[in-house]
Amino acid sequence: MYKWNGRVAIVTGASTPIGMAICKALVTHGLKVCAIAKKSGVAKLDALNTTFFDVKGKMLTYECDLTDEEQVKAVFRHIGEKYDGIDLLVNNANVMKKGLLLDQNNTNDMHYIMNTNVLALCIVTREAVKLMRQRTMERKDVAHIVNINSIFGHKIMATVPGTTPMNGLYPASKYASTAITECVRQELLFLDETVKVTSISPGLVESDIIHANAHDEILKLMPALKPDDVAGAVIFALGAKEGVEVHEIVIKPVGEYL
């Protein structure tokens, strides 16, 4: 990981448990981390920043609603001007809503999920690649995009008999993430860009989104990963030598049946 010392990263969804674990791991390894979160998450990141002592890197917090394209462009423009581009993007922003796909009056929830998990993923990636071009042209280094996907981007969870289905529109958004990741990889190859692309698909993780949207009876039945486990997978992918690209990582806790 020495090659990442002093390099610049953007992490979206940075105030979530997984996002904070990723930010902490990157700062510890010497990166300058631009942590992006909604207004409600800024205080968490400010608190996290106070825990960094004797570390090589640093973290700056940026407030942004990723579903607002103009806000995204403004934040990325500011970061690009400050650091002359970026080297790493970790797409971690992710939302889920409890409820059935066939529930009445859930259109706003549908827009919320797809705008955050799909459309914002595309817009953020597009803006990040522009800043990576700026950086790699000057330094000739390989940049990296890491998408925090989900096991739901590869399979639909079977409903436990006697419980309410918990899939909703979320798996559709994660299958889209899987497709987008590969499309971006192929486009970068076509454009002759020196950018690696990795998708990390965790199973159940102890996080706010799971506890807010999953059913207690299901949570009791399965073990869960820690946010640090996901951060460890990010570090593993970044640690691959120059000629190696880690395409896909699937990690699950022992005993999970998703």
C-alpha atoms as a PDB file:
ATOM      1  CA  MET A   1       0.000   0.000   0.000  1.00  0.00           C
ATOM      2  CA  TYR A   2       3.023   2.314   0.074  1.00  0.00           C
ATOM      3  CA  LYS A   3       2.203   3.400  -3.493  1.00  0.00           C
ATOM      4  CA  TRP A   4      -1.004   5.037  -2.202  1.00  0.00           C
ATOM      5  CA  ASN A   5       0.748   7.218   0.355  1.00  0.00           C
ATOM      6  CA  GLY A   6      -0.118  10.863  -0.287  1.00  0.00           C
ATOM      7  CA  ARG A   7      -2.610  10.111  -3.040  1.00  0.00           C
ATOM      8  CA  VAL A   8      -6.144  11.537  -3.170  1.00  0.00           C
ATOM      9  CA  ALA A   9      -9.363   9.571  -2.670  1.00  0.00           C
ATOM     10  CA  ILE A  10     -13.064  10.369  -2.742  1.00  0.00           C
ATOM     11  CA  VAL A  11     -15.396   8.220  -0.650  1.00  0.00           C
ATOM     12  CA  THR A  12     -19.167   8.616  -1.031  1.00  0.00           C
ATOM     13  CA  GLY A  13     -21.608   7.496   1.643  1.00  0.00           C
ATOM     14  CA  ALA A  14     -18.741   8.253   3.997  1.00  0.00           C
ATOM     15  CA  SER A  15     -20.815   8.695   7.165  1.00  0.00           C
ATOM     16  CA  THR A  16     -22.257   5.163   7.091  1.00  0.00           C
ATOM     17  CA  PRO A  17     -20.546   2.495   9.213  1.00  0.00           C
ATOM     18  CA  ILE A  18     -18.942   0.982   6.092  1.00  0.00           C
ATOM     19  CA  GLY A  19     -17.996   4.403   4.767  1.00  0.00           C
ATOM     20  CA  MET A  20     -16.341   5.451   8.012  1.00  0.00           C
ATOM     21  CA  ALA A  21     -14.422   2.175   8.198  1.00  0.00           C
ATOM     22  CA  ILE A  22     -13.160   2.729   4.640  1.00  0.00           C
ATOM     23  CA  CYS A  23     -12.173   6.338   5.365  1.00  0.00           C
ATOM     24  CA  LYS A  24     -10.296   5.254   8.490  1.00  0.00           C
ATOM     25  CA  ALA A  25      -8.421   2.515   6.600  1.00  0.00           C
ATOM     26  CA  LEU A  26      -7.431   4.876   3.777  1.00  0.00           C
ATOM     27  CA  VAL A  27      -6.267   7.637   6.119  1.00  0.00           C
ATOM     28  CA  THR A  28      -4.246   5.085   8.086  1.00  0.00           C
ATOM     29  CA  HIS A  29      -2.506   4.099   4.847  1.00  0.00           C
ATOM     30  CA  GLY A  30      -1.578   7.687   4.098  1.00  0.00           C
ATOM     31  CA  LEU A  31      -4.249   8.841   1.655  1.00  0.00           C
ATOM     32  CA  LYS A  32      -5.856  12.264   1.548  1.00  0.00           C
ATOM     33  CA  VAL A  33      -9.527  11.351   1.825  1.00  0.00           C
ATOM     34  CA  CYS A  34     -12.363  13.566   0.619  1.00  0.00           C
ATOM     35  CA  ALA A  35     -15.292  12.136   2.581  1.00  0.00           C
ATOM     36  CA  ILE A  36     -18.675  12.951   1.036  1.00  0.00           C
ATOM     37  CA  ALA A  37     -21.879  12.661   3.052  1.00  0.00           C
ATOM     38  CA  LYS A  38     -25.360  14.071   3.302  1.00  0.00           C
ATOM     39  CA  LYS A  39     -25.924  16.953   5.707  1.00  0.00           C
ATOM     40  CA  SER A  40     -27.156  14.546   8.390  1.00  0.00           C
ATOM     41  CA  GLY A  41     -23.861  12.640   8.307  1.00  0.00           C
ATOM     42  CA  VAL A  42     -21.355  15.490   8.517  1.00  0.00           C
ATOM     43  CA  ALA A  43     -21.238  15.502  12.321  1.00  0.00           C
ATOM     44  CA  LYS A  44     -20.307  11.796  12.358  1.00  0.00           C
ATOM     45  CA  LEU A  45     -17.373  12.453  10.057  1.00  0.00           C
ATOM     46  CA  ASP A  46     -16.251  15.433  12.114  1.00  0.00           C
ATOM     47  CA  ALA A  47     -16.259  13.173  15.174  1.00  0.00           C
ATOM     48  CA  LEU A  48     -14.305  10.496  13.286  1.00  0.00           C
ATOM     49  CA  ASN A  49     -11.706  13.073  12.295  1.00  0.00           C
ATOM     50  CA  THR A  50     -10.950  13.770  15.956  1.00  0.00           C
ATOM     51  CA  THR A  51      -9.881  10.143  16.445  1.00  0.00           C
ATOM     52  CA  PHE A  52      -7.010  10.311  13.938  1.00  0.00           C
ATOM     53  CA  PHE A  53      -3.727  10.574  15.795  1.00  0.00           C
ATOM     54  CA  ASP A  54      -0.273   9.861  14.395  1.00  0.00           C
ATOM     55  CA  VAL A  55      -1.606   8.776  11.001  1.00  0.00           C
ATOM     56  CA  LYS A  56      -0.022   9.416   7.624  1.00  0.00           C
ATOM     57  CA  GLY A  57      -3.104  10.685   5.817  1.00  0.00           C
ATOM     58  CA  LYS A  58      -5.886  13.145   6.462  1.00  0.00           C
ATOM     59  CA  MET A  59      -9.606  13.517   5.845  1.00  0.00           C
ATOM     60  CA  LEU A  60     -11.672  16.449   4.667  1.00  0.00           C
ATOM     61  CA  THR A  61     -15.463  16.357   4.862  1.00  0.00           C
ATOM     62  CA  TYR A  62     -17.749  17.510   2.059  1.00  0.00           C
ATOM     63  CA  GLU A  63     -21.525  17.850   2.335  1.00  0.00           C
ATOM     64  CA  CYS A  64     -23.362  16.789  -0.811  1.00  0.00           C
ATOM     65  CA  ASP A  65     -26.691  15.342  -1.899  1.00  0.00           C
ATOM     66  CA  LEU A  66     -25.602  12.875  -4.573  1.00  0.00           C
ATOM     67  CA  THR A  67     -29.062  12.912  -6.160  1.00  0.00           C
ATOM     68  CA  ASP A  68     -28.504  16.585  -7.047  1.00  0.00           C
ATOM     69  CA  GLU A  69     -26.258  16.614 -10.119  1.00  0.00           C
ATOM     70  CA  GLU A  70     -25.289  20.267  -9.722  1.00  0.00           C
ATOM     71  CA  GLN A  71     -24.147  19.668  -6.138  1.00  0.00           C
ATOM     72  CA  VAL A  72     -22.063  16.702  -7.288  1.00  0.00           C
ATOM     73  CA  LYS A  73     -20.418  18.735 -10.044  1.00  0.00           C
ATOM     74  CA  ALA A  74     -19.661  21.612  -7.660  1.00  0.00           C
ATOM     75  CA  VAL A  75     -18.070  19.382  -5.014  1.00  0.00           C
ATOM     76  CA  PHE A  76     -15.979  17.462  -7.552  1.00  0.00           C
ATOM     77  CA  ARG A  77     -14.898  20.697  -9.211  1.00  0.00           C
ATOM     78  CA  HIS A  78     -13.736  22.035  -5.832  1.00  0.00           C
ATOM     79  CA  ILE A  79     -11.819  18.826  -5.055  1.00  0.00           C
ATOM     80  CA  GLY A  80     -10.239  18.834  -8.507  1.00  0.00           C
ATOM     81  CA  GLU A  81      -9.047  22.407  -8.101  1.00  0.00           C
ATOM     82  CA  LYS A  82      -7.675  21.745  -4.624  1.00  0.00           C
ATOM     83  CA  TYR A  83      -5.748  18.561  -5.460  1.00  0.00           C
ATOM     84  CA  ASP A  84      -5.244  18.734  -9.242  1.00  0.00           C
ATOM     85  CA  GLY A  85      -7.358  15.618  -9.694  1.00  0.00           C
ATOM     86  CA  ILE A  86      -7.895  12.382  -7.776  1.00  0.00           C
ATOM     87  CA  ASP A  87      -6.453   8.865  -7.750  1.00  0.00           C
ATOM     88  CA  LEU A  88      -9.209   6.791  -6.143  1.00  0.00           C
ATOM     89  CA  LEU A  89     -12.996   6.737  -6.014  1.00  0.00           C
ATOM     90  CA  VAL A  90     -14.899   4.530  -3.587  1.00  0.00           C
ATOM     91  CA  ASN A  91     -18.605   4.503  -4.475  1.00  0.00           C
ATOM     92  CA  ASN A  92     -20.212   3.539  -1.173  1.00  0.00           C
ATOM     93  CA  ALA A  93     -23.413   5.613  -1.195  1.00  0.00           C
ATOM     94  CA  ASN A  94     -26.294   3.189  -0.900  1.00  0.00           C
ATOM     95  CA  VAL A  95     -29.895   3.258   0.292  1.00  0.00           C
ATOM     96  CA  MET A  96     -32.590   0.686   0.993  1.00  0.00           C
ATOM     97  CA  LYS A  97     -36.258   1.032   1.870  1.00  0.00           C
ATOM     98  CA  LYS A  98     -38.372  -1.486   3.729  1.00  0.00           C
ATOM     99  CA  GLY A  99     -41.498  -2.518   1.872  1.00  0.00           C
ATOM    100  CA  LEU A 100     -42.799  -4.553  -1.028  1.00  0.00           C
ATOM    101  CA  LEU A 101     -42.247  -3.618  -4.646  1.00  0.00           C
ATOM    102  CA  LEU A 102     -46.036  -3.949  -5.069  1.00  0.00           C
ATOM    103  CA  ASP A 103     -46.923  -1.654  -2.157  1.00  0.00           C
ATOM    104  CA  GLN A 104     -49.200   1.221  -3.074  1.00  0.00           C
ATOM    105  CA  ASN A 105     -47.955   4.840  -2.969  1.00  0.00           C
ATOM    106  CA  ASN A 106     -44.267   3.859  -2.925  1.00  0.00           C
ATOM    107  CA  THR A 107     -43.175   5.736  -6.047  1.00  0.00           C
ATOM    108  CA  ASN A 108     -41.089   8.229  -4.063  1.00  0.00           C
ATOM    109  CA  ASP A 109     -39.223   5.351  -2.440  1.00  0.00           C
ATOM    110  CA  MET A 110     -38.568   3.857  -5.878  1.00  0.00           C
ATOM    111  CA  HIS A 111     -37.119   7.133  -7.132  1.00  0.00           C
ATOM    112  CA  TYR A 112     -35.016   7.455  -3.968  1.00  0.00           C
ATOM    113  CA  ILE A 113     -33.463   4.003  -4.388  1.00  0.00           C
ATOM    114  CA  MET A 114     -32.781   4.244  -8.122  1.00  0.00           C
ATOM    115  CA  ASN A 115     -31.588   7.864  -8.022  1.00  0.00           C
ATOM    116  CA  THR A 116     -29.073   7.065  -5.274  1.00  0.00           C
ATOM    117  CA  ASN A 117     -27.962   3.518  -6.092  1.00  0.00           C
ATOM    118  CA  VAL A 118     -27.971   3.781  -9.877  1.00  0.00           C
ATOM    119  CA  LEU A 119     -28.119   7.288 -11.330  1.00  0.00           C
ATOM    120  CA  ALA A 120     -25.855   8.899  -8.719  1.00  0.00           C
ATOM    121  CA  LEU A 121     -23.388   6.030  -9.158  1.00  0.00           C
ATOM    122  CA  CYS A 122     -23.142   6.879 -12.863  1.00  0.00           C
ATOM    123  CA  ILE A 123     -22.852  10.637 -12.357  1.00  0.00           C
ATOM    124  CA  VAL A 124     -20.259  10.374  -9.585  1.00  0.00           C
ATOM    125  CA  THR A 125     -18.189   7.913 -11.618  1.00  0.00           C
ATOM    126  CA  ARG A 126     -18.321  10.146 -14.688  1.00  0.00           C
ATOM    127  CA  GLU A 127     -17.146  13.187 -12.723  1.00  0.00           C
ATOM    128  CA  ALA A 128     -14.459  11.165 -10.937  1.00  0.00           C
ATOM    129  CA  VAL A 129     -12.975   9.808 -14.179  1.00  0.00           C
ATOM    130  CA  LYS A 130     -12.625  13.381 -15.418  1.00  0.00           C
ATOM    131  CA  LEU A 131     -10.513  14.171 -12.341  1.00  0.00           C
ATOM    132  CA  MET A 132      -8.555  10.921 -12.700  1.00  0.00           C
ATOM    133  CA  ARG A 133      -7.617  11.865 -16.267  1.00  0.00           C
ATOM    134  CA  GLN A 134      -6.302  15.142 -14.930  1.00  0.00           C
ATOM    135  CA  ARG A 135      -4.191  13.273 -12.372  1.00  0.00           C
ATOM    136  CA  THR A 136      -2.910  10.382 -14.488  1.00  0.00           C
ATOM    137  CA  MET A 137      -1.867  12.666 -17.342  1.00  0.00           C
ATOM    138  CA  GLU A 138       0.478  14.443 -14.959  1.00  0.00           C
ATOM    139  CA  ARG A 139       1.753  11.490 -12.922  1.00  0.00           C
ATOM    140  CA  LYS A 140       1.271   8.451 -15.188  1.00  0.00           C
ATOM    141  CA  ASP A 141      -0.065   6.530 -12.191  1.00  0.00           C
ATOM    142  CA  VAL A 142      -2.877   3.980 -12.313  1.00  0.00           C
ATOM    143  CA  ALA A 143      -6.097   5.249 -10.756  1.00  0.00           C
ATOM    144  CA  HIS A 144      -8.781   3.022  -9.237  1.00  0.00           C
ATOM    145  CA  ILE A 145     -12.573   2.902  -8.921  1.00  0.00           C
ATOM    146  CA  VAL A 146     -14.016   0.682  -6.188  1.00  0.00           C
ATOM    147  CA  ASN A 147     -17.780   0.125  -6.131  1.00  0.00           C
ATOM    148  CA  ILE A 148     -19.255  -1.198  -2.895  1.00  0.00           C
ATOM    149  CA  ASN A 149     -21.939  -3.426  -4.332  1.00  0.00           C
ATOM    150  CA  SER A 150     -23.870  -6.192  -2.539  1.00  0.00           C
ATOM    151  CA  ILE A 151     -24.520  -9.909  -2.646  1.00  0.00           C
ATOM    152  CA  PHE A 152     -27.976  -8.759  -3.808  1.00  0.00           C
ATOM    153  CA  GLY A 153     -26.273  -7.666  -7.017  1.00  0.00           C
ATOM    154  CA  HIS A 154     -25.715 -11.342  -7.828  1.00  0.00           C
ATOM    155  CA  LYS A 155     -28.694 -13.229  -6.413  1.00  0.00           C
ATOM    156  CA  ILE A 156     -32.166 -12.611  -5.044  1.00  0.00           C
ATOM    157  CA  MET A 157     -32.631 -13.569  -1.415  1.00  0.00           C
ATOM    158  CA  ALA A 158     -35.148 -16.359  -0.922  1.00  0.00           C
ATOM    159  CA  THR A 159     -37.936 -15.345   1.436  1.00  0.00           C
ATOM    160  CA  VAL A 160     -37.851 -17.194   4.737  1.00  0.00           C
ATOM    161  CA  PRO A 161     -41.217 -18.971   5.168  1.00  0.00           C
ATOM    162  CA  GLY A 162     -43.472 -16.988   7.446  1.00  0.00           C
ATOM    163  CA  THR A 163     -41.593 -13.704   6.977  1.00  0.00           C
ATOM    164  CA  THR A 164     -42.248 -10.734   4.720  1.00  0.00           C
ATOM    165  CA  PRO A 165     -40.101 -10.539   1.561  1.00  0.00           C
ATOM    166  CA  MET A 166     -37.355  -7.964   2.085  1.00  0.00           C
ATOM    167  CA  ASN A 167     -36.063  -7.584  -1.457  1.00  0.00           C
ATOM    168  CA  GLY A 168     -38.209  -4.816  -2.920  1.00  0.00           C
ATOM    169  CA  LEU A 169     -36.440  -2.704  -5.534  1.00  0.00           C
ATOM    170  CA  TYR A 170     -33.045  -2.919  -3.802  1.00  0.00           C
ATOM    171  CA  PRO A 171     -31.707  -6.007  -5.652  1.00  0.00           C
ATOM    172  CA  ALA A 172     -32.653  -4.437  -8.990  1.00  0.00           C
ATOM    173  CA  SER A 173     -30.517  -1.422  -8.113  1.00  0.00           C
ATOM    174  CA  LYS A 174     -27.625  -3.690  -7.108  1.00  0.00           C
ATOM    175  CA  TYR A 175     -27.870  -5.791 -10.273  1.00  0.00           C
ATOM    176  CA  ALA A 176     -27.647  -2.461 -12.089  1.00  0.00           C
ATOM    177  CA  SER A 177     -24.503  -1.661 -10.092  1.00  0.00           C
ATOM    178  CA  THR A 178     -22.969  -4.951 -11.225  1.00  0.00           C
ATOM    179  CA  ALA A 179     -23.728  -4.110 -14.855  1.00  0.00           C
ATOM    180  CA  ILE A 180     -22.554  -0.500 -14.536  1.00  0.00           C
ATOM    181  CA  THR A 181     -19.255  -1.615 -13.041  1.00  0.00           C
ATOM    182  CA  GLU A 182     -18.496  -3.849 -16.008  1.00  0.00           C
ATOM    183  CA  CYS A 183     -19.686  -1.258 -18.527  1.00  0.00           C
ATOM    184  CA  VAL A 184     -17.368   1.333 -16.978  1.00  0.00           C
ATOM    185  CA  ARG A 185     -14.458  -1.123 -17.090  1.00  0.00           C
ATOM    186  CA  GLN A 186     -15.021  -1.768 -20.800  1.00  0.00           C
ATOM    187  CA  GLU A 187     -15.409   1.933 -21.598  1.00  0.00           C
ATOM    188  CA  LEU A 188     -12.162   2.761 -19.782  1.00  0.00           C
ATOM    189  CA  LEU A 189     -10.387   0.090 -21.821  1.00  0.00           C
ATOM    190  CA  PHE A 190     -11.868   1.523 -25.016  1.00  0.00           C
ATOM    191  CA  LEU A 191     -10.734   5.025 -24.011  1.00  0.00           C
ATOM    192  CA  ASP A 192      -7.255   3.715 -23.116  1.00  0.00           C
ATOM    193  CA  GLU A 193      -7.520   5.054 -19.567  1.00  0.00           C
ATOM    194  CA  THR A 194      -5.212   3.669 -16.883  1.00  0.00           C
ATOM    195  CA  VAL A 195      -7.983   3.115 -14.339  1.00  0.00           C
ATOM    196  CA  LYS A 196      -8.651  -0.156 -12.537  1.00  0.00           C
ATOM    197  CA  VAL A 197     -12.221  -1.073 -11.555  1.00  0.00           C
ATOM    198  CA  THR A 198     -13.223  -3.321  -8.651  1.00  0.00           C
ATOM    199  CA  SER A 199     -16.639  -4.376  -7.364  1.00  0.00           C
ATOM    200  CA  ILE A 200     -16.903  -5.515  -3.740  1.00  0.00           C
ATOM    201  CA  SER A 201     -20.076  -7.409  -2.864  1.00  0.00           C
ATOM    202  CA  PRO A 202     -20.550  -8.047   0.848  1.00  0.00           C
ATOM    203  CA  GLY A 203     -23.192 -10.258   2.326  1.00  0.00           C
ATOM    204  CA  LEU A 204     -24.952  -9.143   5.488  1.00  0.00           C
ATOM    205  CA  VAL A 205     -23.048  -6.359   7.269  1.00  0.00           C
ATOM    206  CA  GLU A 206     -23.734  -4.858  10.678  1.00  0.00           C
ATOM    207  CA  SER A 207     -24.870  -1.392   9.603  1.00  0.00           C
ATOM    208  CA  ASP A 208     -27.601   1.186  10.038  1.00  0.00           C
ATOM    209  CA  ILE A 209     -29.199   0.373   6.677  1.00  0.00           C
ATOM    210  CA  ILE A 210     -29.667  -3.292   7.583  1.00  0.00           C
ATOM    211  CA  HIS A 211     -31.086  -2.668  11.039  1.00  0.00           C
ATOM    212  CA  ALA A 212     -33.458  -0.039   9.670  1.00  0.00           C
ATOM    213  CA  ASN A 213     -34.783  -2.127   6.788  1.00  0.00           C
ATOM    214  CA  ALA A 214     -34.312  -5.841   7.501  1.00  0.00           C
ATOM    215  CA  HIS A 215     -36.650  -7.877   9.660  1.00  0.00           C
ATOM    216  CA  ASP A 216     -35.505  -8.715  13.176  1.00  0.00           C
ATOM    217  CA  GLU A 217     -36.429 -12.369  12.752  1.00  0.00           C
ATOM    218  CA  ILE A 218     -34.081 -12.632   9.760  1.00  0.00           C
ATOM    219  CA  LEU A 219     -31.239 -10.799  11.489  1.00  0.00           C
ATOM    220  CA  LYS A 220     -31.432 -13.271  14.356  1.00  0.00           C
ATOM    221  CA  LEU A 221     -30.928 -16.180  11.961  1.00  0.00           C
ATOM    222  CA  MET A 222     -27.711 -15.037  10.289  1.00  0.00           C
ATOM    223  CA  PRO A 223     -24.230 -13.840  11.246  1.00  0.00           C
ATOM    224  CA  ALA A 224     -22.976 -10.546   9.848  1.00  0.00           C
ATOM    225  CA  LEU A 225     -19.729  -8.989   8.693  1.00  0.00           C
ATOM    226  CA  LYS A 226     -18.209  -5.974  10.417  1.00  0.00           C
ATOM    227  CA  PRO A 227     -17.714  -2.727   8.451  1.00  0.00           C
ATOM    228  CA  ASP A 228     -13.963  -3.214   8.917  1.00  0.00           C
ATOM    229  CA  ASP A 229     -14.244  -6.443   6.906  1.00  0.00           C
ATOM    230  CA  VAL A 230     -15.460  -4.464   3.909  1.00  0.00           C
ATOM    231  CA  ALA A 231     -12.733  -1.868   4.408  1.00  0.00           C
ATOM    232  CA  GLY A 232     -10.216  -4.717   4.456  1.00  0.00           C
ATOM    233  CA  ALA A 233     -11.464  -5.892   1.069  1.00  0.00           C
ATOM    234  CA  VAL A 234     -10.929  -2.372  -0.311  1.00  0.00           C
ATOM    235  CA  ILE A 235      -7.344  -2.351   0.960  1.00  0.00           C
ATOM    236  CA  PHE A 236      -6.778  -5.813  -0.544  1.00  0.00           C
ATOM    237  CA  ALA A 237      -7.928  -4.637  -3.988  1.00  0.00           C
ATOM    238  CA  LEU A 238      -5.797  -1.495  -3.809  1.00  0.00           C
ATOM    239  CA  GLY A 239      -2.776  -3.530  -2.780  1.00  0.00           C
ATOM    240  CA  ALA A 240      -2.636  -5.561  -5.996  1.00  0.00           C
ATOM    241  CA  LYS A 241       0.519  -4.954  -7.984  1.00  0.00           C
ATOM    242  CA  GLU A 242       0.476  -2.641 -10.985  1.00  0.00           C
ATOM    243  CA  GLY A 243      -0.303  -5.274 -13.615  1.00  0.00           C
ATOM    244  CA  VAL A 244      -3.123  -6.908 -11.642  1.00  0.00           C
ATOM    245  CA  GLU A 245      -6.759  -5.780 -11.535  1.00  0.00           C
ATOM    246  CA  VAL A 246      -9.086  -7.328  -8.971  1.00  0.00           C
ATOM    247  CA  HIS A 247     -12.434  -7.415 -10.787  1.00  0.00           C
ATOM    248  CA  GLU A 248     -14.811  -8.804  -8.180  1.00  0.00           C
ATOM    249  CA  ILE A 249     -14.674  -9.611  -4.471  1.00  0.00           C
ATOM    250  CA  VAL A 250     -17.561 -11.384  -2.739  1.00  0.00           C
ATOM    251  CA  ILE A 251     -17.262 -11.626   1.032  1.00  0.00           C
ATOM    252  CA  LYS A 252     -19.737 -13.215   3.407  1.00  0.00           C
ATOM    253  CA  PRO A 253     -19.662 -14.154   7.084  1.00  0.00           C
ATOM    254  CA  VAL A 254     -19.232 -17.836   7.801  1.00  0.00           C
ATOM    255  CA  GLY A 255     -22.675 -19.405   8.096  1.00  0.00           C
ATOM    256  CA  GLU A 256     -24.586 -16.885   6.006  1.00  0.00           C
ATOM    257  CA  TYR A 257     -26.998 -18.433   3.510  1.00  0.00           C
ATOM    258  CA  LEU A 258     -27.752 -15.385   1.344  1.00  0.00           C
END
